[in-house]
Amino acid sequence: MRLIKLKEVIQKTSLGRSTIYEFMIKGTFPKQVSLGAKSVAWLESEVDDWIMERLGERDI
């Protein structure tokens, strides 16, 4: 299990910061994990799963 910071999430998904947070609010993107004062991260496996779901949708 690996936690990744926003910079890496942006790099992996090619999404902008505001889009990531907008998707989170809509419930369509993995939620962040609080690491303490003003520090958050995401589970890399959840972000990878989200990417794979998007790839699966293109084949429909």
N, C-alpha and C. Protein backbone atom coordinates (compact mmCIF):
# COMPACT_ATOMS: atom_id res chain seq x y z
N MET A 1 0.85 -1.17 0.00
CA MET A 1 0.00 0.00 0.00
C MET A 1 0.90 1.24 0.00
N ARG A 2 0.64 2.13 -0.93
CA ARG A 2 1.47 3.33 -1.07
C ARG A 2 0.58 4.55 -1.15
N LEU A 3 0.95 5.59 -0.44
CA LEU A 3 0.24 6.87 -0.50
C LEU A 3 0.98 7.80 -1.44
N ILE A 4 0.21 8.53 -2.25
CA ILE A 4 0.82 9.48 -3.17
C ILE A 4 0.23 10.86 -2.96
N LYS A 5 1.04 11.86 -3.15
CA LYS A 5 0.63 13.25 -2.96
C LYS A 5 -0.03 13.77 -4.24
N LEU A 6 -0.63 14.95 -4.13
CA LEU A 6 -1.38 15.54 -5.22
C LEU A 6 -0.56 15.66 -6.50
N LYS A 7 0.68 16.05 -6.39
CA LYS A 7 1.53 16.22 -7.58
C LYS A 7 1.60 14.93 -8.40
N GLU A 8 1.73 13.80 -7.71
CA GLU A 8 1.80 12.52 -8.42
C GLU A 8 0.43 12.10 -8.95
N VAL A 9 -0.64 12.41 -8.22
CA VAL A 9 -2.00 12.12 -8.70
C VAL A 9 -2.24 12.88 -10.00
N ILE A 10 -1.85 14.13 -10.03
CA ILE A 10 -1.99 14.95 -11.24
C ILE A 10 -1.20 14.34 -12.38
N GLN A 11 0.01 13.92 -12.10
CA GLN A 11 0.87 13.32 -13.12
C GLN A 11 0.27 12.01 -13.65
N LYS A 12 -0.23 11.16 -12.76
CA LYS A 12 -0.79 9.86 -13.16
C LYS A 12 -2.08 10.01 -13.97
N THR A 13 -2.92 10.97 -13.60
CA THR A 13 -4.25 11.09 -14.22
C THR A 13 -4.31 12.10 -15.36
N SER A 14 -3.35 12.99 -15.43
CA SER A 14 -3.35 14.11 -16.39
C SER A 14 -4.51 15.06 -16.14
N LEU A 15 -5.04 15.06 -14.92
CA LEU A 15 -6.09 15.99 -14.53
C LEU A 15 -5.49 17.15 -13.75
N GLY A 16 -6.17 18.28 -13.77
CA GLY A 16 -5.75 19.41 -12.97
C GLY A 16 -6.25 19.28 -11.54
N ARG A 17 -5.66 20.06 -10.66
CA ARG A 17 -6.02 20.04 -9.24
C ARG A 17 -7.51 20.27 -9.02
N SER A 18 -8.05 21.31 -9.65
CA SER A 18 -9.46 21.64 -9.42
C SER A 18 -10.37 20.55 -9.96
N THR A 19 -10.00 19.91 -11.05
CA THR A 19 -10.82 18.82 -11.60
C THR A 19 -10.82 17.63 -10.66
N ILE A 20 -9.68 17.31 -10.08
CA ILE A 20 -9.60 16.21 -9.13
C ILE A 20 -10.53 16.47 -7.95
N TYR A 21 -10.47 17.66 -7.38
CA TYR A 21 -11.33 17.99 -6.24
C TYR A 21 -12.80 18.04 -6.64
N GLU A 22 -13.10 18.50 -7.85
CA GLU A 22 -14.48 18.53 -8.33
C GLU A 22 -15.01 17.11 -8.44
N PHE A 23 -14.22 16.19 -9.00
CA PHE A 23 -14.62 14.79 -9.11
C PHE A 23 -14.81 14.16 -7.73
N MET A 24 -13.97 14.54 -6.77
CA MET A 24 -14.11 14.02 -5.41
C MET A 24 -15.44 14.46 -4.80
N ILE A 25 -15.79 15.72 -5.00
CA ILE A 25 -17.06 16.25 -4.47
C ILE A 25 -18.24 15.49 -5.08
N LYS A 26 -18.13 15.17 -6.38
CA LYS A 26 -19.20 14.43 -7.06
C LYS A 26 -19.20 12.96 -6.69
N GLY A 27 -18.15 12.51 -6.02
CA GLY A 27 -18.06 11.10 -5.63
C GLY A 27 -17.56 10.18 -6.72
N THR A 28 -16.92 10.76 -7.75
CA THR A 28 -16.45 9.96 -8.88
C THR A 28 -14.93 9.80 -8.90
N PHE A 29 -14.27 10.19 -7.84
CA PHE A 29 -12.81 10.05 -7.73
C PHE A 29 -12.49 9.63 -6.30
N PRO A 30 -11.45 8.83 -6.12
CA PRO A 30 -11.10 8.38 -4.76
C PRO A 30 -10.90 9.55 -3.80
N LYS A 31 -11.32 9.33 -2.57
CA LYS A 31 -11.16 10.37 -1.55
C LYS A 31 -9.73 10.38 -1.03
N GLN A 32 -9.33 11.53 -0.58
CA GLN A 32 -7.99 11.70 0.00
C GLN A 32 -7.94 11.16 1.42
N VAL A 33 -6.74 10.92 1.88
CA VAL A 33 -6.49 10.47 3.25
C VAL A 33 -5.76 11.60 3.96
N SER A 34 -6.28 12.01 5.10
CA SER A 34 -5.63 13.07 5.87
C SER A 34 -4.40 12.51 6.57
N LEU A 35 -3.28 13.22 6.41
CA LEU A 35 -2.02 12.81 7.04
C LEU A 35 -1.67 13.70 8.21
N GLY A 36 -2.50 14.69 8.47
CA GLY A 36 -2.23 15.62 9.56
C GLY A 36 -2.50 17.04 9.10
N ALA A 37 -1.92 17.97 9.79
CA ALA A 37 -2.14 19.39 9.51
C ALA A 37 -1.79 19.73 8.06
N LYS A 38 -2.83 20.03 7.29
CA LYS A 38 -2.68 20.51 5.91
C LYS A 38 -1.93 19.55 4.99
N SER A 39 -1.98 18.27 5.28
CA SER A 39 -1.30 17.29 4.44
C SER A 39 -2.25 16.14 4.12
N VAL A 40 -2.43 15.89 2.83
CA VAL A 40 -3.29 14.80 2.39
C VAL A 40 -2.57 13.98 1.32
N ALA A 41 -3.08 12.78 1.10
CA ALA A 41 -2.54 11.91 0.07
C ALA A 41 -3.66 10.98 -0.38
N TRP A 42 -3.39 10.22 -1.43
CA TRP A 42 -4.34 9.25 -1.96
C TRP A 42 -3.69 7.88 -1.97
N LEU A 43 -4.51 6.85 -1.84
CA LEU A 43 -3.99 5.50 -2.00
C LEU A 43 -3.71 5.28 -3.48
N GLU A 44 -2.49 4.95 -3.80
CA GLU A 44 -2.11 4.78 -5.20
C GLU A 44 -2.98 3.71 -5.87
N SER A 45 -3.29 2.64 -5.16
CA SER A 45 -4.09 1.57 -5.74
C SER A 45 -5.49 2.05 -6.13
N GLU A 46 -6.07 2.94 -5.33
CA GLU A 46 -7.40 3.48 -5.66
C GLU A 46 -7.34 4.38 -6.89
N VAL A 47 -6.29 5.17 -7.00
CA VAL A 47 -6.12 6.03 -8.18
C VAL A 47 -5.90 5.15 -9.41
N ASP A 48 -5.08 4.12 -9.28
CA ASP A 48 -4.85 3.20 -10.40
C ASP A 48 -6.14 2.51 -10.82
N ASP A 49 -6.96 2.09 -9.84
CA ASP A 49 -8.25 1.46 -10.15
C ASP A 49 -9.16 2.44 -10.89
N TRP A 50 -9.16 3.70 -10.48
CA TRP A 50 -9.97 4.73 -11.13
C TRP A 50 -9.54 4.88 -12.59
N ILE A 51 -8.24 4.90 -12.84
CA ILE A 51 -7.72 5.00 -14.20
C ILE A 51 -8.17 3.80 -15.03
N MET A 52 -8.07 2.60 -14.47
CA MET A 52 -8.47 1.39 -15.19
C MET A 52 -9.96 1.41 -15.52
N GLU A 53 -10.79 1.95 -14.62
CA GLU A 53 -12.22 2.08 -14.90
C GLU A 53 -12.45 2.99 -16.09
N ARG A 54 -11.71 4.09 -16.17
CA ARG A 54 -11.84 4.99 -17.30
C ARG A 54 -11.45 4.28 -18.60
N LEU A 55 -10.39 3.49 -18.56
CA LEU A 55 -9.97 2.75 -19.75
C LEU A 55 -11.02 1.73 -20.15
N GLY A 56 -11.66 1.10 -19.18
CA GLY A 56 -12.72 0.13 -19.48
C GLY A 56 -13.92 0.79 -20.14
N GLU A 57 -14.22 2.02 -19.76
CA GLU A 57 -15.37 2.74 -20.32
C GLU A 57 -15.18 3.09 -21.79
N ARG A 58 -13.95 3.24 -22.22
CA ARG A 58 -13.73 3.64 -23.62
C ARG A 58 -14.03 2.49 -24.57
N ASP A 59 -14.02 1.26 -24.07
CA ASP A 59 -14.26 0.09 -24.90
C ASP A 59 -15.74 -0.27 -25.00
N ILE A 60 -16.59 0.48 -24.30
CA ILE A 60 -18.03 0.18 -24.30
C ILE A 60 -18.67 0.73 -25.55
